Amino acid sequence: MHGPAIKLDADNAAVKKSKLGVILFYAYTLVYIGFVVIGLVNPELLSLHVLGEQNLSIIYGFGLIVLAIVMGFIYNALCTRMEDNMNKK
């Protein structure tokens, strides 16, 4: 057996990265709640064709998936920048 490949030091950006993660989580949750509220209050609206033959539920659902992926890339980019700035030696 061997030890870790690198020695990890303290992450000075951990607190800011955590806050950013919580902010992005709440933002995504609000968008998702919008989808659920539409389904509860006015489910007929989800069957409305908005893009060609695709209805709102399909577009909104795929939009949620794409949003999660984009937010992941944004989170990674911002966290990398924070780590580079705050963990300089």
PDB file of N, CA and C in Angstrom:
ATOM      1  N   MET A   1       0.837  -1.188   0.000  1.00  0.00           N
ATOM      2  CA  MET A   1       0.000   0.000   0.000  1.00  0.00           C
ATOM      3  C   MET A   1       0.876   1.244   0.000  1.00  0.00           C
ATOM      4  N   HIS A   2       0.312   2.291  -0.544  1.00  0.00           N
ATOM      5  CA  HIS A   2       1.034   3.555  -0.572  1.00  0.00           C
ATOM      6  C   HIS A   2       0.166   4.652   0.011  1.00  0.00           C
ATOM      7  N   GLY A   3       0.795   5.742   0.359  1.00  0.00           N
ATOM      8  CA  GLY A   3       0.086   6.871   0.943  1.00  0.00           C
ATOM      9  C   GLY A   3      -0.539   7.739  -0.133  1.00  0.00           C
ATOM     10  N   PRO A   4      -1.085   8.865   0.270  1.00  0.00           N
ATOM     11  CA  PRO A   4      -1.696   9.783  -0.696  1.00  0.00           C
ATOM     12  C   PRO A   4      -0.670  10.293  -1.707  1.00  0.00           C
ATOM     13  N   ALA A   5      -1.117  10.569  -2.904  1.00  0.00           N
ATOM     14  CA  ALA A   5      -0.225  11.063  -3.960  1.00  0.00           C
ATOM     15  C   ALA A   5       0.291  12.456  -3.649  1.00  0.00           C
ATOM     16  N   ILE A   6      -0.531  13.271  -2.998  1.00  0.00           N
ATOM     17  CA  ILE A   6      -0.111  14.619  -2.632  1.00  0.00           C
ATOM     18  C   ILE A   6      -0.537  14.894  -1.192  1.00  0.00           C
ATOM     19  N   LYS A   7       0.129  15.845  -0.571  1.00  0.00           N
ATOM     20  CA  LYS A   7      -0.260  16.263   0.770  1.00  0.00           C
ATOM     21  C   LYS A   7      -1.250  17.405   0.636  1.00  0.00           C
ATOM     22  N   LEU A   8      -2.428  17.245   1.208  1.00  0.00           N
ATOM     23  CA  LEU A   8      -3.445  18.282   1.142  1.00  0.00           C
ATOM     24  C   LEU A   8      -3.288  19.237   2.313  1.00  0.00           C
ATOM     25  N   ASP A   9      -3.234  20.521   2.002  1.00  0.00           N
ATOM     26  CA  ASP A   9      -3.159  21.548   3.031  1.00  0.00           C
ATOM     27  C   ASP A   9      -4.564  22.028   3.361  1.00  0.00           C
ATOM     28  N   ALA A  10      -4.644  22.941   4.306  1.00  0.00           N
ATOM     29  CA  ALA A  10      -5.933  23.531   4.659  1.00  0.00           C
ATOM     30  C   ALA A  10      -6.490  24.297   3.460  1.00  0.00           C
ATOM     31  N   ASP A  11      -7.797  24.203   3.280  1.00  0.00           N
ATOM     32  CA  ASP A  11      -8.461  24.913   2.186  1.00  0.00           C
ATOM     33  C   ASP A  11      -9.030  26.216   2.730  1.00  0.00           C
ATOM     34  N   ASN A  12      -8.363  27.320   2.436  1.00  0.00           N
ATOM     35  CA  ASN A  12      -8.803  28.626   2.935  1.00  0.00           C
ATOM     36  C   ASN A  12     -10.095  29.095   2.276  1.00  0.00           C
ATOM     37  N   ALA A  13     -10.482  28.483   1.178  1.00  0.00           N
ATOM     38  CA  ALA A  13     -11.689  28.889   0.450  1.00  0.00           C
ATOM     39  C   ALA A  13     -12.902  28.044   0.812  1.00  0.00           C
ATOM     40  N   ALA A  14     -12.759  27.128   1.748  1.00  0.00           N
ATOM     41  CA  ALA A  14     -13.834  26.179   2.056  1.00  0.00           C
ATOM     42  C   ALA A  14     -15.134  26.865   2.478  1.00  0.00           C
ATOM     43  N   VAL A  15     -15.032  27.884   3.297  1.00  0.00           N
ATOM     44  CA  VAL A  15     -16.244  28.559   3.786  1.00  0.00           C
ATOM     45  C   VAL A  15     -16.970  29.247   2.632  1.00  0.00           C
ATOM     46  N   LYS A  16     -16.229  29.947   1.788  1.00  0.00           N
ATOM     47  CA  LYS A  16     -16.853  30.642   0.655  1.00  0.00           C
ATOM     48  C   LYS A  16     -17.432  29.649  -0.340  1.00  0.00           C
ATOM     49  N   LYS A  17     -16.749  28.532  -0.560  1.00  0.00           N
ATOM     50  CA  LYS A  17     -17.254  27.519  -1.480  1.00  0.00           C
ATOM     51  C   LYS A  17     -18.549  26.907  -0.943  1.00  0.00           C
ATOM     52  N   SER A  18     -18.616  26.706   0.357  1.00  0.00           N
ATOM     53  CA  SER A  18     -19.839  26.177   0.965  1.00  0.00           C
ATOM     54  C   SER A  18     -20.999  27.139   0.796  1.00  0.00           C
ATOM     55  N   LYS A  19     -20.741  28.418   1.027  1.00  0.00           N
ATOM     56  CA  LYS A  19     -21.790  29.429   0.863  1.00  0.00           C
ATOM     57  C   LYS A  19     -22.272  29.483  -0.584  1.00  0.00           C
ATOM     58  N   LEU A  20     -21.341  29.418  -1.524  1.00  0.00           N
ATOM     59  CA  LEU A  20     -21.707  29.418  -2.932  1.00  0.00           C
ATOM     60  C   LEU A  20     -22.566  28.199  -3.260  1.00  0.00           C
ATOM     61  N   GLY A  21     -22.201  27.046  -2.735  1.00  0.00           N
ATOM     62  CA  GLY A  21     -22.985  25.834  -2.966  1.00  0.00           C
ATOM     63  C   GLY A  21     -24.405  25.965  -2.442  1.00  0.00           C
ATOM     64  N   VAL A  22     -24.554  26.555  -1.263  1.00  0.00           N
ATOM     65  CA  VAL A  22     -25.888  26.750  -0.679  1.00  0.00           C
ATOM     66  C   VAL A  22     -26.702  27.726  -1.525  1.00  0.00           C
ATOM     67  N   ILE A  23     -26.076  28.803  -1.997  1.00  0.00           N
ATOM     68  CA  ILE A  23     -26.776  29.780  -2.836  1.00  0.00           C
ATOM     69  C   ILE A  23     -27.257  29.125  -4.125  1.00  0.00           C
ATOM     70  N   LEU A  24     -26.401  28.357  -4.773  1.00  0.00           N
ATOM     71  CA  LEU A  24     -26.796  27.682  -6.008  1.00  0.00           C
ATOM     72  C   LEU A  24     -27.882  26.643  -5.745  1.00  0.00           C
ATOM     73  N   PHE A  25     -27.804  25.965  -4.605  1.00  0.00           N
ATOM     74  CA  PHE A  25     -28.843  24.999  -4.242  1.00  0.00           C
ATOM     75  C   PHE A  25     -30.198  25.678  -4.090  1.00  0.00           C
ATOM     76  N   TYR A  26     -30.211  26.812  -3.388  1.00  0.00           N
ATOM     77  CA  TYR A  26     -31.479  27.527  -3.206  1.00  0.00           C
ATOM     78  C   TYR A  26     -32.016  28.052  -4.545  1.00  0.00           C
ATOM     79  N   ALA A  27     -31.140  28.536  -5.405  1.00  0.00           N
ATOM     80  CA  ALA A  27     -31.575  29.026  -6.712  1.00  0.00           C
ATOM     81  C   ALA A  27     -32.210  27.890  -7.516  1.00  0.00           C
ATOM     82  N   TYR A  28     -31.567  26.733  -7.541  1.00  0.00           N
ATOM     83  CA  TYR A  28     -32.114  25.591  -8.276  1.00  0.00           C
ATOM     84  C   TYR A  28     -33.427  25.138  -7.654  1.00  0.00           C
ATOM     85  N   THR A  29     -33.479  25.140  -6.326  1.00  0.00           N
ATOM     86  CA  THR A  29     -34.695  24.723  -5.632  1.00  0.00           C
ATOM     87  C   THR A  29     -35.871  25.621  -5.999  1.00  0.00           C
ATOM     88  N   LEU A  30     -35.639  26.926  -6.106  1.00  0.00           N
ATOM     89  CA  LEU A  30     -36.715  27.841  -6.500  1.00  0.00           C
ATOM     90  C   LEU A  30     -37.238  27.530  -7.898  1.00  0.00           C
ATOM     91  N   VAL A  31     -36.333  27.250  -8.828  1.00  0.00           N
ATOM     92  CA  VAL A  31     -36.755  26.913 -10.188  1.00  0.00           C
ATOM     93  C   VAL A  31     -37.535  25.602 -10.174  1.00  0.00           C
ATOM     94  N   TYR A  32     -37.070  24.635  -9.397  1.00  0.00           N
ATOM     95  CA  TYR A  32     -37.760  23.350  -9.307  1.00  0.00           C
ATOM     96  C   TYR A  32     -39.129  23.502  -8.656  1.00  0.00           C
ATOM     97  N   ILE A  33     -39.201  24.329  -7.615  1.00  0.00           N
ATOM     98  CA  ILE A  33     -40.498  24.575  -6.960  1.00  0.00           C
ATOM     99  C   ILE A  33     -41.484  25.170  -7.960  1.00  0.00           C
ATOM    100  N   GLY A  34     -40.999  26.023  -8.871  1.00  0.00           N
ATOM    101  CA  GLY A  34     -41.872  26.562  -9.910  1.00  0.00           C
ATOM    102  C   GLY A  34     -42.498  25.462 -10.739  1.00  0.00           C
ATOM    103  N   PHE A  35     -41.716  24.449 -11.084  1.00  0.00           N
ATOM    104  CA  PHE A  35     -42.218  23.311 -11.853  1.00  0.00           C
ATOM    105  C   PHE A  35     -43.283  22.554 -11.067  1.00  0.00           C
ATOM    106  N   VAL A  36     -43.017  22.308  -9.789  1.00  0.00           N
ATOM    107  CA  VAL A  36     -43.963  21.573  -8.945  1.00  0.00           C
ATOM    108  C   VAL A  36     -45.247  22.372  -8.746  1.00  0.00           C
ATOM    109  N   VAL A  37     -45.117  23.672  -8.541  1.00  0.00           N
ATOM    110  CA  VAL A  37     -46.300  24.518  -8.335  1.00  0.00           C
ATOM    111  C   VAL A  37     -47.178  24.530  -9.584  1.00  0.00           C
ATOM    112  N   ILE A  38     -46.569  24.621 -10.743  1.00  0.00           N
ATOM    113  CA  ILE A  38     -47.360  24.570 -11.979  1.00  0.00           C
ATOM    114  C   ILE A  38     -48.109  23.247 -12.057  1.00  0.00           C
ATOM    115  N   GLY A  39     -47.431  22.153 -11.712  1.00  0.00           N
ATOM    116  CA  GLY A  39     -48.078  20.846 -11.736  1.00  0.00           C
ATOM    117  C   GLY A  39     -49.210  20.718 -10.739  1.00  0.00           C
ATOM    118  N   LEU A  40     -49.112  21.397  -9.624  1.00  0.00           N
ATOM    119  CA  LEU A  40     -50.164  21.327  -8.608  1.00  0.00           C
ATOM    120  C   LEU A  40     -51.317  22.278  -8.879  1.00  0.00           C
ATOM    121  N   VAL A  41     -50.992  23.493  -9.288  1.00  0.00           N
ATOM    122  CA  VAL A  41     -52.006  24.535  -9.438  1.00  0.00           C
ATOM    123  C   VAL A  41     -52.691  24.476 -10.796  1.00  0.00           C
ATOM    124  N   ASN A  42     -51.917  24.280 -11.854  1.00  0.00           N
ATOM    125  CA  ASN A  42     -52.475  24.328 -13.200  1.00  0.00           C
ATOM    126  C   ASN A  42     -51.812  23.261 -14.078  1.00  0.00           C
ATOM    127  N   PRO A  43     -52.142  21.979 -13.849  1.00  0.00           N
ATOM    128  CA  PRO A  43     -51.482  20.916 -14.601  1.00  0.00           C
ATOM    129  C   PRO A  43     -51.750  20.977 -16.106  1.00  0.00           C
ATOM    130  N   GLU A  44     -52.852  21.607 -16.502  1.00  0.00           N
ATOM    131  CA  GLU A  44     -53.144  21.733 -17.933  1.00  0.00           C
ATOM    132  C   GLU A  44     -52.087  22.585 -18.639  1.00  0.00           C
ATOM    133  N   LEU A  45     -51.484  23.513 -17.903  1.00  0.00           N
ATOM    134  CA  LEU A  45     -50.456  24.367 -18.469  1.00  0.00           C
ATOM    135  C   LEU A  45     -49.241  23.553 -18.924  1.00  0.00           C
ATOM    136  N   LEU A  46     -48.962  22.453 -18.220  1.00  0.00           N
ATOM    137  CA  LEU A  46     -47.827  21.621 -18.577  1.00  0.00           C
ATOM    138  C   LEU A  46     -48.025  20.915 -19.917  1.00  0.00           C
ATOM    139  N   SER A  47     -49.260  20.797 -20.364  1.00  0.00           N
ATOM    140  CA  SER A  47     -49.512  20.144 -21.655  1.00  0.00           C
ATOM    141  C   SER A  47     -49.498  21.131 -22.818  1.00  0.00           C
ATOM    142  N   LEU A  48     -49.293  22.390 -22.523  1.00  0.00           N
ATOM    143  CA  LEU A  48     -49.242  23.423 -23.557  1.00  0.00           C
ATOM    144  C   LEU A  48     -48.001  23.236 -24.430  1.00  0.00           C
ATOM    145  N   HIS A  49     -48.195  23.215 -25.745  1.00  0.00           N
ATOM    146  CA  HIS A  49     -47.069  23.071 -26.674  1.00  0.00           C
ATOM    147  C   HIS A  49     -46.333  24.411 -26.770  1.00  0.00           C
ATOM    148  N   VAL A  50     -45.059  24.404 -26.403  1.00  0.00           N
ATOM    149  CA  VAL A  50     -44.290  25.645 -26.380  1.00  0.00           C
ATOM    150  C   VAL A  50     -43.156  25.663 -27.395  1.00  0.00           C
ATOM    151  N   LEU A  51     -42.683  24.501 -27.805  1.00  0.00           N
ATOM    152  CA  LEU A  51     -41.558  24.442 -28.731  1.00  0.00           C
ATOM    153  C   LEU A  51     -41.818  23.292 -29.702  1.00  0.00           C
ATOM    154  N   GLY A  52     -42.338  23.634 -30.853  1.00  0.00           N
ATOM    155  CA  GLY A  52     -42.680  22.593 -31.824  1.00  0.00           C
ATOM    156  C   GLY A  52     -43.769  21.702 -31.267  1.00  0.00           C
ATOM    157  N   GLU A  53     -43.507  20.416 -31.253  1.00  0.00           N
ATOM    158  CA  GLU A  53     -44.471  19.450 -30.719  1.00  0.00           C
ATOM    159  C   GLU A  53     -44.242  19.140 -29.248  1.00  0.00           C
ATOM    160  N   GLN A  54     -43.257  19.784 -28.635  1.00  0.00           N
ATOM    161  CA  GLN A  54     -42.921  19.492 -27.236  1.00  0.00           C
ATOM    162  C   GLN A  54     -43.736  20.370 -26.296  1.00  0.00           C
ATOM    163  N   ASN A  55     -44.254  19.743 -25.253  1.00  0.00           N
ATOM    164  CA  ASN A  55     -45.045  20.504 -24.294  1.00  0.00           C
ATOM    165  C   ASN A  55     -44.163  21.093 -23.195  1.00  0.00           C
ATOM    166  N   LEU A  56     -44.769  21.929 -22.380  1.00  0.00           N
ATOM    167  CA  LEU A  56     -44.036  22.647 -21.341  1.00  0.00           C
ATOM    168  C   LEU A  56     -43.372  21.702 -20.347  1.00  0.00           C
ATOM    169  N   SER A  57     -44.027  20.600 -20.024  1.00  0.00           N
ATOM    170  CA  SER A  57     -43.439  19.689 -19.042  1.00  0.00           C
ATOM    171  C   SER A  57     -42.120  19.099 -19.542  1.00  0.00           C
ATOM    172  N   ILE A  58     -42.035  18.754 -20.824  1.00  0.00           N
ATOM    173  CA  ILE A  58     -40.801  18.214 -21.380  1.00  0.00           C
ATOM    174  C   ILE A  58     -39.717  19.291 -21.414  1.00  0.00           C
ATOM    175  N   ILE A  59     -40.071  20.480 -21.899  1.00  0.00           N
ATOM    176  CA  ILE A  59     -39.102  21.569 -22.001  1.00  0.00           C
ATOM    177  C   ILE A  59     -38.612  21.980 -20.612  1.00  0.00           C
ATOM    178  N   TYR A  60     -39.539  22.122 -19.676  1.00  0.00           N
ATOM    179  CA  TYR A  60     -39.168  22.511 -18.313  1.00  0.00           C
ATOM    180  C   TYR A  60     -38.295  21.433 -17.675  1.00  0.00           C
ATOM    181  N   GLY A  61     -38.670  20.164 -17.852  1.00  0.00           N
ATOM    182  CA  GLY A  61     -37.904  19.068 -17.272  1.00  0.00           C
ATOM    183  C   GLY A  61     -36.482  19.005 -17.807  1.00  0.00           C
ATOM    184  N   PHE A  62     -36.344  19.086 -19.142  1.00  0.00           N
ATOM    185  CA  PHE A  62     -35.002  19.093 -19.708  1.00  0.00           C
ATOM    186  C   PHE A  62     -34.255  20.367 -19.317  1.00  0.00           C
ATOM    187  N   GLY A  63     -34.985  21.461 -19.198  1.00  0.00           N
ATOM    188  CA  GLY A  63     -34.365  22.703 -18.746  1.00  0.00           C
ATOM    189  C   GLY A  63     -33.780  22.561 -17.342  1.00  0.00           C
ATOM    190  N   LEU A  64     -34.482  21.847 -16.475  1.00  0.00           N
ATOM    191  CA  LEU A  64     -33.969  21.605 -15.125  1.00  0.00           C
ATOM    192  C   LEU A  64     -32.676  20.790 -15.164  1.00  0.00           C
ATOM    193  N   ILE A  65     -32.651  19.798 -16.035  1.00  0.00           N
ATOM    194  CA  ILE A  65     -31.440  18.979 -16.161  1.00  0.00           C
ATOM    195  C   ILE A  65     -30.278  19.824 -16.676  1.00  0.00           C
ATOM    196  N   VAL A  66     -30.527  20.601 -17.722  1.00  0.00           N
ATOM    197  CA  VAL A  66     -29.477  21.448 -18.293  1.00  0.00           C
ATOM    198  C   VAL A  66     -29.029  22.492 -17.281  1.00  0.00           C
ATOM    199  N   LEU A  67     -29.969  23.067 -16.554  1.00  0.00           N
ATOM    200  CA  LEU A  67     -29.631  24.054 -15.530  1.00  0.00           C
ATOM    201  C   LEU A  67     -28.715  23.449 -14.472  1.00  0.00           C
ATOM    202  N   ALA A  68     -29.001  22.225 -14.035  1.00  0.00           N
ATOM    203  CA  ALA A  68     -28.158  21.575 -13.031  1.00  0.00           C
ATOM    204  C   ALA A  68     -26.733  21.386 -13.558  1.00  0.00           C
ATOM    205  N   ILE A  69     -26.608  20.989 -14.818  1.00  0.00           N
ATOM    206  CA  ILE A  69     -25.281  20.791 -15.405  1.00  0.00           C
ATOM    207  C   ILE A  69     -24.540  22.117 -15.511  1.00  0.00           C
ATOM    208  N   VAL A  70     -25.225  23.147 -15.997  1.00  0.00           N
ATOM    209  CA  VAL A  70     -24.602  24.469 -16.141  1.00  0.00           C
ATOM    210  C   VAL A  70     -24.190  25.015 -14.776  1.00  0.00           C
ATOM    211  N   MET A  71     -25.050  24.849 -13.784  1.00  0.00           N
ATOM    212  CA  MET A  71     -24.720  25.323 -12.440  1.00  0.00           C
ATOM    213  C   MET A  71     -23.515  24.565 -11.877  1.00  0.00           C
ATOM    214  N   GLY A  72     -23.388  23.299 -12.223  1.00  0.00           N
ATOM    215  CA  GLY A  72     -22.213  22.532 -11.801  1.00  0.00           C
ATOM    216  C   GLY A  72     -20.935  23.088 -12.391  1.00  0.00           C
ATOM    217  N   PHE A  73     -20.977  23.439 -13.687  1.00  0.00           N
ATOM    218  CA  PHE A  73     -19.804  24.042 -14.322  1.00  0.00           C
ATOM    219  C   PHE A  73     -19.485  25.409 -13.706  1.00  0.00           C
ATOM    220  N   ILE A  74     -20.518  26.197 -13.444  1.00  0.00           N
ATOM    221  CA  ILE A  74     -20.320  27.508 -12.817  1.00  0.00           C
ATOM    222  C   ILE A  74     -19.706  27.345 -11.432  1.00  0.00           C
ATOM    223  N   TYR A  75     -20.242  26.404 -10.659  1.00  0.00           N
ATOM    224  CA  TYR A  75     -19.717  26.147  -9.317  1.00  0.00           C
ATOM    225  C   TYR A  75     -18.253  25.747  -9.383  1.00  0.00           C
ATOM    226  N   ASN A  76     -17.928  24.845 -10.299  1.00  0.00           N
ATOM    227  CA  ASN A  76     -16.546  24.394 -10.432  1.00  0.00           C
ATOM    228  C   ASN A  76     -15.615  25.548 -10.809  1.00  0.00           C
ATOM    229  N   ALA A  77     -16.022  26.362 -11.768  1.00  0.00           N
ATOM    230  CA  ALA A  77     -15.180  27.478 -12.210  1.00  0.00           C
ATOM    231  C   ALA A  77     -14.962  28.483 -11.082  1.00  0.00           C
ATOM    232  N   LEU A  78     -16.040  28.848 -10.385  1.00  0.00           N
ATOM    233  CA  LEU A  78     -15.912  29.823  -9.306  1.00  0.00           C
ATOM    234  C   LEU A  78     -15.106  29.272  -8.136  1.00  0.00           C
ATOM    235  N   CYS A  79     -15.300  27.996  -7.808  1.00  0.00           N
ATOM    236  CA  CYS A  79     -14.533  27.400  -6.710  1.00  0.00           C
ATOM    237  C   CYS A  79     -13.054  27.300  -7.056  1.00  0.00           C
ATOM    238  N   THR A  80     -12.751  26.965  -8.301  1.00  0.00           N
ATOM    239  CA  THR A  80     -11.364  26.899  -8.721  1.00  0.00           C
ATOM    240  C   THR A  80     -10.706  28.265  -8.597  1.00  0.00           C
ATOM    241  N   ARG A  81     -11.416  29.316  -9.013  1.00  0.00           N
ATOM    242  CA  ARG A  81     -10.891  30.674  -8.904  1.00  0.00           C
ATOM    243  C   ARG A  81     -10.671  31.049  -7.443  1.00  0.00           C
ATOM    244  N   MET A  82     -11.637  30.705  -6.568  1.00  0.00           N
ATOM    245  CA  MET A  82     -11.495  31.003  -5.140  1.00  0.00           C
ATOM    246  C   MET A  82     -10.291  30.280  -4.548  1.00  0.00           C
ATOM    247  N   GLU A  83     -10.141  29.002  -4.897  1.00  0.00           N
ATOM    248  CA  GLU A  83      -9.007  28.225  -4.386  1.00  0.00           C
ATOM    249  C   GLU A  83      -7.690  28.821  -4.856  1.00  0.00           C
ATOM    250  N   ASP A  84      -7.611  29.188  -6.120  1.00  0.00           N
ATOM    251  CA  ASP A  84      -6.379  29.771  -6.646  1.00  0.00           C
ATOM    252  C   ASP A  84      -6.024  31.075  -5.941  1.00  0.00           C
ATOM    253  N   ASN A  85      -7.032  31.895  -5.652  1.00  0.00           N
ATOM    254  CA  ASN A  85      -6.785  33.194  -5.016  1.00  0.00           C
ATOM    255  C   ASN A  85      -6.504  33.081  -3.526  1.00  0.00           C
ATOM    256  N   MET A  86      -7.167  32.166  -2.848  1.00  0.00           N
ATOM    257  CA  MET A  86      -7.092  32.129  -1.393  1.00  0.00           C
ATOM    258  C   MET A  86      -6.084  31.112  -0.850  1.00  0.00           C
ATOM    259  N   ASN A  87      -5.626  30.204  -1.676  1.00  0.00           N
ATOM    260  CA  ASN A  87      -4.706  29.168  -1.187  1.00  0.00           C
ATOM    261  C   ASN A  87      -3.288  29.364  -1.717  1.00  0.00           C
ATOM    262  N   LYS A  88      -2.963  30.607  -2.077  1.00  0.00           N
ATOM    263  CA  LYS A  88      -1.600  30.893  -2.530  1.00  0.00           C
ATOM    264  C   LYS A  88      -0.649  30.764  -1.374  1.00  0.00           C
ATOM    265  N   LYS A  89       0.551  30.309  -1.688  1.00  0.00           N
ATOM    266  CA  LYS A  89       1.563  30.166  -0.617  1.00  0.00           C
ATOM    267  C   LYS A  89       2.569  31.265  -0.681  1.00  0.00           C
TER     268      LYS A  89
END
